[in-house]
Protein backbone atom coordinates (compact mmCIF):
# COMPACT_ATOMS: atom_id res chain seq x y z
CA MET A 1 -159.79 -24.09 194.75
CA ALA A 2 -163.49 -22.26 193.08
CA GLY A 3 -165.32 -20.56 195.22
CA VAL A 4 -163.06 -19.96 198.18
CA ASN A 5 -163.11 -16.87 199.35
CA SER A 6 -159.08 -15.82 200.26
CA LYS A 7 -160.29 -13.11 202.40
CA SER A 8 -161.33 -15.98 204.96
CA LEU A 9 -158.38 -17.02 205.36
CA GLU A 10 -156.53 -14.28 206.25
CA ILE A 11 -155.13 -14.74 210.01
CA PRO A 12 -154.25 -11.35 211.10
CA ASN A 13 -151.22 -12.90 214.10
CA ASP A 14 -148.51 -14.29 211.93
CA ASN A 15 -147.86 -16.94 214.82
CA LEU A 16 -149.52 -20.37 214.83
CA GLU A 17 -147.85 -21.96 218.03
CA THR A 18 -149.30 -21.65 221.35
CA PHE A 19 -145.74 -20.32 222.61
CA SER A 20 -143.72 -17.42 221.67
CA ILE A 21 -140.90 -15.90 223.25
CA PHE A 22 -140.22 -12.11 223.32
CA TRP A 23 -136.95 -10.74 223.83
CA LEU A 24 -137.10 -7.27 225.42
CA ASP A 25 -133.52 -5.40 225.54
CA LYS A 26 -132.28 -1.81 224.57
CA GLN A 27 -129.34 -4.22 222.99
CA VAL A 28 -131.19 -6.77 221.40
CA ASN A 29 -130.18 -6.56 218.32
CA ALA A 30 -126.79 -4.33 218.39
CA THR A 31 -124.10 -7.19 219.12
CA GLU A 32 -122.99 -10.43 217.67
CA ASP A 33 -123.60 -11.93 220.79
CA ASN A 34 -127.25 -11.45 220.81
CA ARG A 35 -127.93 -12.33 217.16
CA ASN A 36 -125.97 -15.53 217.55
CA THR A 37 -128.21 -16.05 220.18
CA GLN A 38 -131.06 -15.55 218.43
CA LEU A 39 -130.09 -18.17 215.85
CA LYS A 40 -130.39 -20.73 218.97
CA LEU A 41 -133.68 -19.56 220.31
CA ARG A 42 -135.05 -19.86 216.83
CA GLU A 43 -133.54 -23.38 216.58
CA ILE A 44 -136.16 -24.47 219.18
CA ILE A 45 -139.03 -22.48 218.50
CA ASN A 46 -140.19 -20.61 215.73
CA HIS A 47 -141.61 -17.62 216.94
CA LEU A 48 -139.07 -15.16 218.87
CA LYS A 49 -139.78 -11.66 218.64
CA THR A 50 -137.54 -9.22 219.53
CA PHE A 51 -138.05 -5.68 221.21
CA ASP A 52 -136.06 -2.59 221.83
CA ASP A 53 -139.01 -0.10 222.80
CA LEU A 54 -140.84 -1.14 225.93
CA GLY A 55 -144.10 0.15 224.79
CA GLU A 56 -143.83 -1.70 221.80
CA CYS A 57 -143.26 -4.73 223.64
CA TYR A 58 -145.75 -4.00 226.33
CA GLN A 59 -148.79 -3.58 224.08
CA ARG A 60 -148.28 -6.59 221.88
CA ILE A 61 -148.18 -8.43 225.55
CA LEU A 62 -151.29 -6.96 225.74
CA SER A 63 -152.58 -7.97 222.62
CA LEU A 64 -151.67 -11.73 222.81
CA SER A 65 -155.10 -14.01 223.60
CA THR A 66 -155.17 -15.51 226.86
CA GLN A 67 -154.73 -18.99 225.27
CA ASP A 68 -151.32 -17.94 223.79
CA ARG A 69 -148.26 -18.57 226.07
CA LEU A 70 -145.46 -16.42 226.30
CA VAL A 71 -141.73 -16.92 227.40
CA LEU A 72 -140.22 -13.38 228.23
CA ILE A 73 -137.05 -12.33 228.65
CA VAL A 74 -135.99 -8.91 229.44
CA SER A 75 -133.07 -7.33 230.73
CA GLY A 76 -132.86 -5.97 234.20
CA ARG A 77 -133.53 -2.36 233.42
CA CYS A 78 -136.00 -3.21 230.84
CA GLY A 79 -137.40 -5.46 233.55
CA ARG A 80 -138.11 -2.87 236.14
CA GLN A 81 -140.21 -1.15 234.08
CA LEU A 82 -142.30 -4.07 232.61
CA VAL A 83 -142.23 -7.20 234.78
CA PRO A 84 -144.38 -5.30 237.83
CA GLN A 85 -147.22 -4.33 234.62
CA ILE A 86 -147.52 -8.18 233.20
CA HIS A 87 -146.50 -10.42 235.38
CA HIS A 88 -149.98 -11.57 236.80
CA LEU A 89 -151.21 -12.02 232.99
CA ARG A 90 -152.30 -15.28 231.96
CA GLN A 91 -150.65 -15.11 229.05
CA VAL A 92 -147.07 -15.02 230.72
CA SER A 93 -145.73 -18.32 231.32
CA SER A 94 -142.35 -17.35 232.51
CA ILE A 95 -140.07 -14.28 232.41
CA TYR A 96 -136.21 -14.69 232.96
CA VAL A 97 -134.32 -11.23 233.58
CA TYR A 98 -130.81 -11.67 232.69
CA CYS A 99 -128.74 -8.69 234.73
CA MET A 100 -125.03 -8.59 236.22
CA ASP A 101 -126.55 -6.91 239.55
CA LYS A 102 -129.29 -10.02 240.44
CA LYS A 103 -129.46 -9.13 244.02
CA ALA A 104 -130.80 -4.93 242.95
CA ASN A 105 -132.95 -6.45 240.41
CA GLU A 106 -134.49 -9.54 242.21
CA LEU A 107 -135.27 -6.56 245.07
CA GLU A 108 -136.03 -3.45 242.73
CA SER A 109 -137.87 -5.03 239.98
CA CYS A 110 -140.68 -6.14 242.99
CA LYS A 111 -140.83 -3.21 244.31
CA PRO A 112 -143.97 -0.62 243.65
CA ASP A 113 -142.78 3.22 244.28
CA GLY A 114 -143.27 3.67 247.71
CA TYR A 115 -143.72 0.44 248.99
CA PRO A 116 -141.39 -2.19 250.73
CA ALA A 117 -140.11 -4.88 248.26
CA PRO A 118 -142.15 -8.00 248.55
CA GLU A 119 -140.02 -11.36 248.69
CA PRO A 120 -139.88 -12.44 245.11
CA THR A 121 -139.87 -15.58 245.17
CA ARG A 122 -143.13 -15.44 247.00
CA THR A 123 -144.65 -13.19 244.94
CA TRP A 124 -143.74 -13.70 241.23
CA VAL A 125 -143.44 -17.43 241.29
CA ARG A 126 -142.86 -17.20 237.15
CA VAL A 127 -140.17 -14.53 237.03
CA LYS A 128 -136.42 -15.76 237.47
CA PHE A 129 -133.45 -14.11 237.92
């Protein structure tokens, strides 16, 4: 096509979908079970991004447009650090915390330092344990 400026067609974000799934876990790519789960998730949604670094995941979440919608899958340990920082963001649609100790993570992930833990089901309606 003559006269089309290719630079005007560049899109900085490789995701053209509204919904994304981010999966944060130190072992996200370390086990065959996790890799198989990623393949199954990719059958449902094209934009699945995995993170094994909490800081990188946090920065990527903050970089999303408020028009984007994010479903976050997070391990209990990472969730205790990340969820209090992001649960209020408009672009965060749902957060799924998977863990072996559900009760501990429900209470601890909702407990700001030095304050009693609020009732998680009333405070964070988008967080599922």
